[in-house]
C-alpha atoms as a PDB file:
ATOM      1  CA  MET A   1     211.302-105.485 151.770  1.00  0.00           C
ATOM      2  CA  SER A   2     208.786-103.304 149.957  1.00  0.00           C
ATOM      3  CA  ALA A   3     210.140 -99.921 148.155  1.00  0.00           C
ATOM      4  CA  ALA A   4     210.183 -96.957 149.299  1.00  0.00           C
ATOM      5  CA  PHE A   5     209.492 -95.453 146.147  1.00  0.00           C
ATOM      6  CA  ARG A   6     209.081 -97.205 143.311  1.00  0.00           C
ATOM      7  CA  GLY A   7     208.821 -95.558 139.471  1.00  0.00           C
ATOM      8  CA  ARG A   8     207.260 -96.571 136.156  1.00  0.00           C
ATOM      9  CA  ASP A   9     207.327 -95.493 133.673  1.00  0.00           C
ATOM     10  CA  LEU A  10     208.180 -92.258 134.508  1.00  0.00           C
ATOM     11  CA  ARG A  11     207.997 -88.971 132.406  1.00  0.00           C
ATOM     12  CA  PRO A  12     206.996 -85.279 133.257  1.00  0.00           C
ATOM     13  CA  ARG A  13     203.267 -84.369 132.209  1.00  0.00           C
ATOM     14  CA  ARG A  14     204.813 -80.662 130.665  1.00  0.00           C
ATOM     15  CA  PRO A  15     208.675 -82.957 129.433  1.00  0.00           C
ATOM     16  CA  GLY A  16     211.905 -80.035 128.910  1.00  0.00           C
ATOM     17  CA  SER A  17     214.280 -80.380 126.989  1.00  0.00           C
ATOM     18  CA  GLU A  18     216.418 -82.823 129.163  1.00  0.00           C
ATOM     19  CA  TRP A  19     214.055 -85.648 130.368  1.00  0.00           C
ATOM     20  CA  THR A  20     212.553 -86.806 127.196  1.00  0.00           C
ATOM     21  CA  GLU A  21     212.523 -90.558 127.580  1.00  0.00           C
ATOM     22  CA  PRO A  22     210.754 -92.562 130.275  1.00  0.00           C
ATOM     23  CA  ILE A  23     212.789 -93.857 133.639  1.00  0.00           C
ATOM     24  CA  SER A  24     211.781 -96.447 135.759  1.00  0.00           C
ATOM     25  CA  PHE A  25     213.608 -97.383 139.039  1.00  0.00           C
ATOM     26  CA  ASP A  26     213.031 -98.936 142.751  1.00  0.00           C
ATOM     27  CA  VAL A  27     213.796 -97.508 146.362  1.00  0.00           C
ATOM     28  CA  GLU A  28     213.830-100.641 148.824  1.00  0.00           C
ATOM     29  CA  ALA A  29     212.825 -99.541 152.959  1.00  0.00           C
ATOM     30  CA  GLY A  30     215.757 -99.188 154.176  1.00  0.00           C
ATOM     31  CA  GLU A  31     218.225 -97.218 151.231  1.00  0.00           C
ATOM     32  CA  TRP A  32     219.207 -94.272 150.077  1.00  0.00           C
ATOM     33  CA  PHE A  33     219.118 -94.138 146.422  1.00  0.00           C
ATOM     34  CA  VAL A  34     221.881 -90.977 144.929  1.00  0.00           C
ATOM     35  CA  ILE A  35     220.598 -89.876 141.837  1.00  0.00           C
ATOM     36  CA  ARG A  36     223.960 -87.142 139.847  1.00  0.00           C
ATOM     37  CA  THR A  37     222.130 -85.527 137.389  1.00  0.00           C
ATOM     38  CA  THR A  38     220.999 -81.509 136.187  1.00  0.00           C
ATOM     39  CA  PRO A  39     219.323 -79.820 137.744  1.00  0.00           C
ATOM     40  CA  ALA A  40     215.986 -79.320 135.221  1.00  0.00           C
ATOM     41  CA  ARG A  41     215.607 -83.256 135.975  1.00  0.00           C
ATOM     42  CA  SER A  42     216.145 -83.239 139.712  1.00  0.00           C
ATOM     43  CA  ALA A  43     213.373 -80.376 139.975  1.00  0.00           C
ATOM     44  CA  ALA A  44     210.938 -82.920 138.118  1.00  0.00           C
ATOM     45  CA  LEU A  45     211.609 -85.705 139.846  1.00  0.00           C
ATOM     46  CA  LEU A  46     210.862 -85.002 143.029  1.00  0.00           C
ATOM     47  CA  ARG A  47     207.631 -82.611 142.453  1.00  0.00           C
ATOM     48  CA  LEU A  48     206.420 -86.583 141.074  1.00  0.00           C
ATOM     49  CA  CYS A  49     208.254 -88.115 144.766  1.00  0.00           C
ATOM     50  CA  CYS A  50     206.374 -85.426 146.694  1.00  0.00           C
ATOM     51  CA  GLY A  51     203.458 -85.631 145.153  1.00  0.00           C
ATOM     52  CA  LEU A  52     203.210 -82.532 143.647  1.00  0.00           C
ATOM     53  CA  ASP A  53     203.028 -83.263 140.471  1.00  0.00           C
ATOM     54  CA  GLU A  54     201.897 -85.817 138.420  1.00  0.00           C
ATOM     55  CA  PRO A  55     203.850 -88.427 135.555  1.00  0.00           C
ATOM     56  CA  ALA A  56     202.528 -88.509 131.912  1.00  0.00           C
ATOM     57  CA  PRO A  57     200.820 -91.473 131.726  1.00  0.00           C
ATOM     58  CA  PRO A  58     200.366 -94.494 131.639  1.00  0.00           C
ATOM     59  CA  GLY A  59     203.360 -93.696 133.821  1.00  0.00           C
ATOM     60  CA  THR A  60     203.019 -94.664 137.637  1.00  0.00           C
ATOM     61  CA  MET A  61     204.746 -93.195 140.821  1.00  0.00           C
ATOM     62  CA  GLU A  62     204.174 -95.103 145.106  1.00  0.00           C
ATOM     63  CA  VAL A  63     205.434 -94.002 147.762  1.00  0.00           C
ATOM     64  CA  LEU A  64     205.466 -95.892 150.977  1.00  0.00           C
ATOM     65  CA  GLY A  65     202.437 -98.096 149.101  1.00  0.00           C
ATOM     66  CA  GLU A  66     200.921 -94.631 147.914  1.00  0.00           C
ATOM     67  CA  THR A  67     200.286 -92.719 144.536  1.00  0.00           C
ATOM     68  CA  PRO A  68     200.020 -89.341 144.992  1.00  0.00           C
ATOM     69  CA  GLY A  69     197.447 -88.762 142.506  1.00  0.00           C
ATOM     70  CA  THR A  70     194.812 -90.676 144.138  1.00  0.00           C
ATOM     71  CA  LEU A  71     194.391 -90.570 147.503  1.00  0.00           C
ATOM     72  CA  GLY A  72     191.624 -87.238 148.516  1.00  0.00           C
ATOM     73  CA  ARG A  73     192.038 -84.412 150.508  1.00  0.00           C
ATOM     74  CA  ASP A  74     192.673 -85.866 154.151  1.00  0.00           C
ATOM     75  CA  ALA A  75     194.828 -88.997 152.980  1.00  0.00           C
ATOM     76  CA  VAL A  76     197.078 -86.949 151.094  1.00  0.00           C
ATOM     77  CA  PHE A  77     197.679 -84.100 153.803  1.00  0.00           C
ATOM     78  CA  ASN A  78     198.597 -87.013 155.713  1.00  0.00           C
ATOM     79  CA  PHE A  79     200.956 -88.095 152.837  1.00  0.00           C
ATOM     80  CA  ARG A  80     202.751 -85.545 152.963  1.00  0.00           C
ATOM     81  CA  ARG A  81     202.629 -85.833 156.817  1.00  0.00           C
ATOM     82  CA  SER A  82     205.368 -88.368 156.020  1.00  0.00           C
ATOM     83  CA  LEU A  83     207.819 -87.181 154.065  1.00  0.00           C
ATOM     84  CA  GLY A  84     210.554 -85.295 155.186  1.00  0.00           C
ATOM     85  CA  VAL A  85     211.485 -82.743 151.838  1.00  0.00           C
ATOM     86  CA  ALA A  86     213.954 -81.132 151.509  1.00  0.00           C
ATOM     87  CA  LEU A  87     214.509 -78.864 147.845  1.00  0.00           C
ATOM     88  CA  GLN A  88     215.960 -75.879 146.544  1.00  0.00           C
ATOM     89  CA  PRO A  89     215.275 -73.646 147.128  1.00  0.00           C
ATOM     90  CA  ASP A  90     215.190 -74.511 150.569  1.00  0.00           C
ATOM     91  CA  GLY A  91     211.912 -72.549 151.606  1.00  0.00           C
ATOM     92  CA  LEU A  92     212.902 -71.761 155.675  1.00  0.00           C
ATOM     93  CA  VAL A  93     210.922 -68.697 156.189  1.00  0.00           C
ATOM     94  CA  SER A  94     214.099 -65.685 156.719  1.00  0.00           C
ATOM     95  CA  ASN A  95     212.978 -63.182 159.090  1.00  0.00           C
ATOM     96  CA  LEU A  96     211.538 -66.727 161.758  1.00  0.00           C
ATOM     97  CA  PRO A  97     214.437 -67.653 164.122  1.00  0.00           C
ATOM     98  CA  LEU A  98     215.558 -71.382 163.307  1.00  0.00           C
ATOM     99  CA  ILE A  99     213.877 -72.753 166.273  1.00  0.00           C
ATOM    100  CA  ARG A 100     210.626 -71.236 165.137  1.00  0.00           C
ATOM    101  CA  ASN A 101     211.021 -72.489 161.031  1.00  0.00           C
ATOM    102  CA  LEU A 102     211.188 -76.031 162.865  1.00  0.00           C
ATOM    103  CA  ILE A 103     207.836 -75.159 165.371  1.00  0.00           C
ATOM    104  CA  VAL A 104     205.837 -74.063 163.405  1.00  0.00           C
ATOM    105  CA  PRO A 105     205.526 -76.485 161.034  1.00  0.00           C
ATOM    106  CA  LEU A 106     204.941 -78.918 163.252  1.00  0.00           C
ATOM    107  CA  VAL A 107     201.960 -77.511 165.758  1.00  0.00           C
ATOM    108  CA  TYR A 108     200.028 -76.002 162.146  1.00  0.00           C
ATOM    109  CA  SER A 109     200.817 -79.485 160.520  1.00  0.00           C
ATOM    110  CA  GLY A 110     199.115 -80.805 163.902  1.00  0.00           C
ATOM    111  CA  HIS A 111     202.127 -83.237 164.144  1.00  0.00           C
ATOM    112  CA  ARG A 112     202.393 -81.082 167.750  1.00  0.00           C
ATOM    113  CA  ALA A 113     200.959 -79.133 169.841  1.00  0.00           C
ATOM    114  CA  PRO A 114     203.237 -76.596 171.324  1.00  0.00           C
ATOM    115  CA  ALA A 115     205.134 -77.148 173.509  1.00  0.00           C
ATOM    116  CA  GLU A 116     206.409 -81.077 171.880  1.00  0.00           C
ATOM    117  CA  ALA A 117     206.908 -79.625 169.295  1.00  0.00           C
ATOM    118  CA  ASN A 118     209.169 -77.023 171.318  1.00  0.00           C
ATOM    119  CA  ALA A 119     210.964 -80.655 172.646  1.00  0.00           C
ATOM    120  CA  ARG A 120     211.478 -82.007 169.463  1.00  0.00           C
ATOM    121  CA  ALA A 121     213.137 -79.057 167.827  1.00  0.00           C
ATOM    122  CA  ARG A 122     215.345 -78.666 170.028  1.00  0.00           C
ATOM    123  CA  ALA A 123     216.337 -82.003 170.204  1.00  0.00           C
ATOM    124  CA  VAL A 124     217.290 -82.144 166.561  1.00  0.00           C
ATOM    125  CA  LEU A 125     218.853 -79.071 166.490  1.00  0.00           C
ATOM    126  CA  GLU A 126     221.067 -80.953 169.325  1.00  0.00           C
ATOM    127  CA  MET A 127     221.060 -83.525 166.972  1.00  0.00           C
ATOM    128  CA  LEU A 128     222.451 -81.690 163.861  1.00  0.00           C
ATOM    129  CA  GLU A 129     224.977 -79.943 166.165  1.00  0.00           C
ATOM    130  CA  LEU A 130     222.875 -76.467 165.283  1.00  0.00           C
ATOM    131  CA  VAL A 131     221.346 -75.102 169.089  1.00  0.00           C
ATOM    132  CA  PRO A 132     223.789 -72.000 168.769  1.00  0.00           C
ATOM    133  CA  TRP A 133     222.098 -71.028 165.915  1.00  0.00           C
ATOM    134  CA  ALA A 134     218.311 -72.443 167.024  1.00  0.00           C
ATOM    135  CA  ASP A 135     217.670 -68.236 167.705  1.00  0.00           C
ATOM    136  CA  ALA A 136     219.215 -66.900 164.667  1.00  0.00           C
ATOM    137  CA  ARG A 137     216.953 -65.607 161.674  1.00  0.00           C
ATOM    138  CA  PRO A 138     218.162 -68.350 158.309  1.00  0.00           C
ATOM    139  CA  SER A 139     218.725 -65.072 156.448  1.00  0.00           C
ATOM    140  CA  ASP A 140     221.743 -64.165 158.908  1.00  0.00           C
ATOM    141  CA  LEU A 141     223.588 -67.983 158.364  1.00  0.00           C
ATOM    142  CA  PRO A 142     226.526 -68.569 157.108  1.00  0.00           C
ATOM    143  CA  PRO A 143     225.232 -70.222 154.458  1.00  0.00           C
ATOM    144  CA  ASP A 144     226.543 -73.946 155.182  1.00  0.00           C
ATOM    145  CA  ILE A 145     224.417 -73.476 158.598  1.00  0.00           C
ATOM    146  CA  ARG A 146     221.765 -72.800 156.035  1.00  0.00           C
ATOM    147  CA  GLN A 147     221.583 -75.927 154.773  1.00  0.00           C
ATOM    148  CA  VAL A 148     222.176 -77.725 157.784  1.00  0.00           C
ATOM    149  CA  ALA A 149     218.907 -75.674 158.860  1.00  0.00           C
ATOM    150  CA  ALA A 150     216.883 -76.901 156.115  1.00  0.00           C
ATOM    151  CA  ILE A 151     218.042 -80.618 156.847  1.00  0.00           C
ATOM    152  CA  ALA A 152     216.571 -80.267 160.380  1.00  0.00           C
ATOM    153  CA  ARG A 153     213.339 -78.996 159.269  1.00  0.00           C
ATOM    154  CA  ALA A 154     212.634 -82.043 157.833  1.00  0.00           C
ATOM    155  CA  LEU A 155     214.388 -84.267 159.943  1.00  0.00           C
ATOM    156  CA  ALA A 156     211.920 -82.460 162.810  1.00  0.00           C
ATOM    157  CA  PRO A 157     208.124 -84.300 161.544  1.00  0.00           C
ATOM    158  CA  GLU A 158     209.985 -87.935 162.343  1.00  0.00           C
ATOM    159  CA  PRO A 159     209.475 -88.779 158.347  1.00  0.00           C
ATOM    160  CA  LYS A 160     209.270 -92.529 157.026  1.00  0.00           C
ATOM    161  CA  VAL A 161     211.476 -91.152 154.074  1.00  0.00           C
ATOM    162  CA  LEU A 162     213.390 -88.336 152.782  1.00  0.00           C
ATOM    163  CA  VAL A 163     213.458 -86.380 149.595  1.00  0.00           C
ATOM    164  CA  LEU A 164     216.774 -84.106 149.701  1.00  0.00           C
ATOM    165  CA  GLU A 165     217.935 -81.866 146.670  1.00  0.00           C
ATOM    166  CA  ASP A 166     221.795 -81.232 146.756  1.00  0.00           C
ATOM    167  CA  PRO A 167     221.615 -81.063 150.143  1.00  0.00           C
ATOM    168  CA  LEU A 168     224.644 -79.763 152.029  1.00  0.00           C
ATOM    169  CA  ASN A 169     227.040 -78.503 148.591  1.00  0.00           C
ATOM    170  CA  ALA A 170     227.947 -75.942 150.528  1.00  0.00           C
ATOM    171  CA  VAL A 171     229.471 -78.032 154.683  1.00  0.00           C
ATOM    172  CA  ARG A 172     232.906 -79.282 154.320  1.00  0.00           C
ATOM    173  CA  SER A 173     233.350 -82.704 153.819  1.00  0.00           C
ATOM    174  CA  ARG A 174     233.697 -83.841 157.774  1.00  0.00           C
ATOM    175  CA  MET A 175     231.160 -81.912 158.293  1.00  0.00           C
ATOM    176  CA  ALA A 176     228.489 -83.349 155.845  1.00  0.00           C
ATOM    177  CA  ALA A 177     229.570 -86.439 156.020  1.00  0.00           C
ATOM    178  CA  GLY A 178     228.589 -86.774 160.115  1.00  0.00           C
ATOM    179  CA  VAL A 179     225.298 -84.730 159.089  1.00  0.00           C
ATOM    180  CA  LEU A 180     223.998 -87.062 156.351  1.00  0.00           C
ATOM    181  CA  ALA A 181     225.444 -90.343 158.668  1.00  0.00           C
ATOM    182  CA  ARG A 182     222.722 -88.863 161.528  1.00  0.00           C
ATOM    183  CA  CYS A 183     219.910 -88.707 159.063  1.00  0.00           C
ATOM    184  CA  LYS A 184     220.661 -91.843 157.513  1.00  0.00           C
ATOM    185  CA  ALA A 185     220.087 -93.007 161.284  1.00  0.00           C
ATOM    186  CA  ALA A 186     217.157 -91.637 161.924  1.00  0.00           C
ATOM    187  CA  VAL A 187     215.816 -92.361 158.624  1.00  0.00           C
ATOM    188  CA  PRO A 188     217.108 -95.451 156.765  1.00  0.00           C
ATOM    189  CA  SER A 189     215.161 -93.758 152.654  1.00  0.00           C
ATOM    190  CA  ALA A 190     215.552 -91.769 151.343  1.00  0.00           C
ATOM    191  CA  ILE A 191     216.092 -90.505 147.847  1.00  0.00           C
ATOM    192  CA  VAL A 192     218.397 -87.660 146.737  1.00  0.00           C
ATOM    193  CA  THR A 193     219.713 -85.450 143.821  1.00  0.00           C
ATOM    194  CA  VAL A 194     223.378 -83.761 143.535  1.00  0.00           C
ATOM    195  CA  PHE A 195     224.655 -82.394 141.045  1.00  0.00           C
ATOM    196  CA  ARG A 196     228.290 -82.704 141.000  1.00  0.00           C
ATOM    197  CA  ARG A 197     230.330 -85.296 142.689  1.00  0.00           C
ATOM    198  CA  PHE A 198     230.267 -84.832 146.964  1.00  0.00           C
ATOM    199  CA  GLU A 199     232.115 -87.479 148.482  1.00  0.00           C
ATOM    200  CA  PRO A 200     230.564 -87.948 151.871  1.00  0.00           C
ATOM    201  CA  LEU A 201     226.898 -88.794 149.576  1.00  0.00           C
ATOM    202  CA  TYR A 202     228.570 -90.520 147.267  1.00  0.00           C
ATOM    203  CA  ASP A 203     230.203 -93.075 150.404  1.00  0.00           C
ATOM    204  CA  ILE A 204     226.213 -92.828 152.404  1.00  0.00           C
ATOM    205  CA  ALA A 205     224.709 -93.947 148.734  1.00  0.00           C
ATOM    206  CA  ASP A 206     223.476 -97.532 149.142  1.00  0.00           C
ATOM    207  CA  HIS A 207     222.755 -97.153 145.352  1.00  0.00           C
ATOM    208  CA  LEU A 208     224.625 -94.656 143.396  1.00  0.00           C
ATOM    209  CA  VAL A 209     223.408 -93.511 139.562  1.00  0.00           C
ATOM    210  CA  LEU A 210     223.750 -90.851 136.859  1.00  0.00           C
ATOM    211  CA  TRP A 211     220.900 -89.989 135.101  1.00  0.00           C
ATOM    212  CA  ASP A 212     222.273 -87.948 131.384  1.00  0.00           C
ATOM    213  CA  ALA A 213     220.534 -88.744 128.731  1.00  0.00           C
ATOM    214  CA  ARG A 214     221.742 -92.165 128.113  1.00  0.00           C
ATOM    215  CA  GLY A 215     218.716 -92.583 131.063  1.00  0.00           C
ATOM    216  CA  PHE A 216     220.228 -94.087 134.366  1.00  0.00           C
ATOM    217  CA  VAL A 217     223.941 -95.555 134.495  1.00  0.00           C
ATOM    218  CA  ALA A 218     224.647 -97.465 137.609  1.00  0.00           C
ATOM    219  CA  ALA A 219     228.027 -96.558 139.463  1.00  0.00           C
ATOM    220  CA  GLY A 220     230.919 -97.417 138.526  1.00  0.00           C
ATOM    221  CA  GLU A 221     229.580 -97.125 134.315  1.00  0.00           C
ATOM    222  CA  GLY A 222     230.850 -93.278 134.161  1.00  0.00           C
ATOM    223  CA  VAL A 223     229.481 -92.020 137.003  1.00  0.00           C
ATOM    224  CA  ALA A 224     232.258 -89.329 138.444  1.00  0.00           C
END
């Protein structure tokens, strides 16, 4: 099995007080890798996973077999099209209807022609049971529905992997479990961070680790 994500001796170029020691990990294709950690560690790591930052030497970050920092402009564009990303803040455009928040990125990134983008957006909203909210602006959505909407936008381009930051923490456990199951069925490979105990995400994880001052600690050795 090939790796969806492979980090070696990772540290941020601008280390913060919480991330001082290098970490290494592999997320194999077909696995959801869930990390319980802090917002500061999460933000720095997921920017590396999305190719938005580069690690401090000699660390390396590979995603889908690519090293984002070495890619040219066109290759980076294609690389980012393969990622489904939902970070914090969610980045939804508050004054656009929810369905337009899915359609516009698909059209302007070259994923779909307008008619195809509309069909794909509606299919994702139906999959996540968001059709009743399709014409609502994100600024008018309840917090739980807005979090599901951010997941919908990440799924819309049919990505090869997902990068999710503390998703669905405002969503009821039963609803969250359903959303996560649909996400995993659609995109079997993901790296996900969470900031507190969240059973629906713990239950769906193939690998669960705690990341604190000790480094990565596997589930069953202090993850709670």
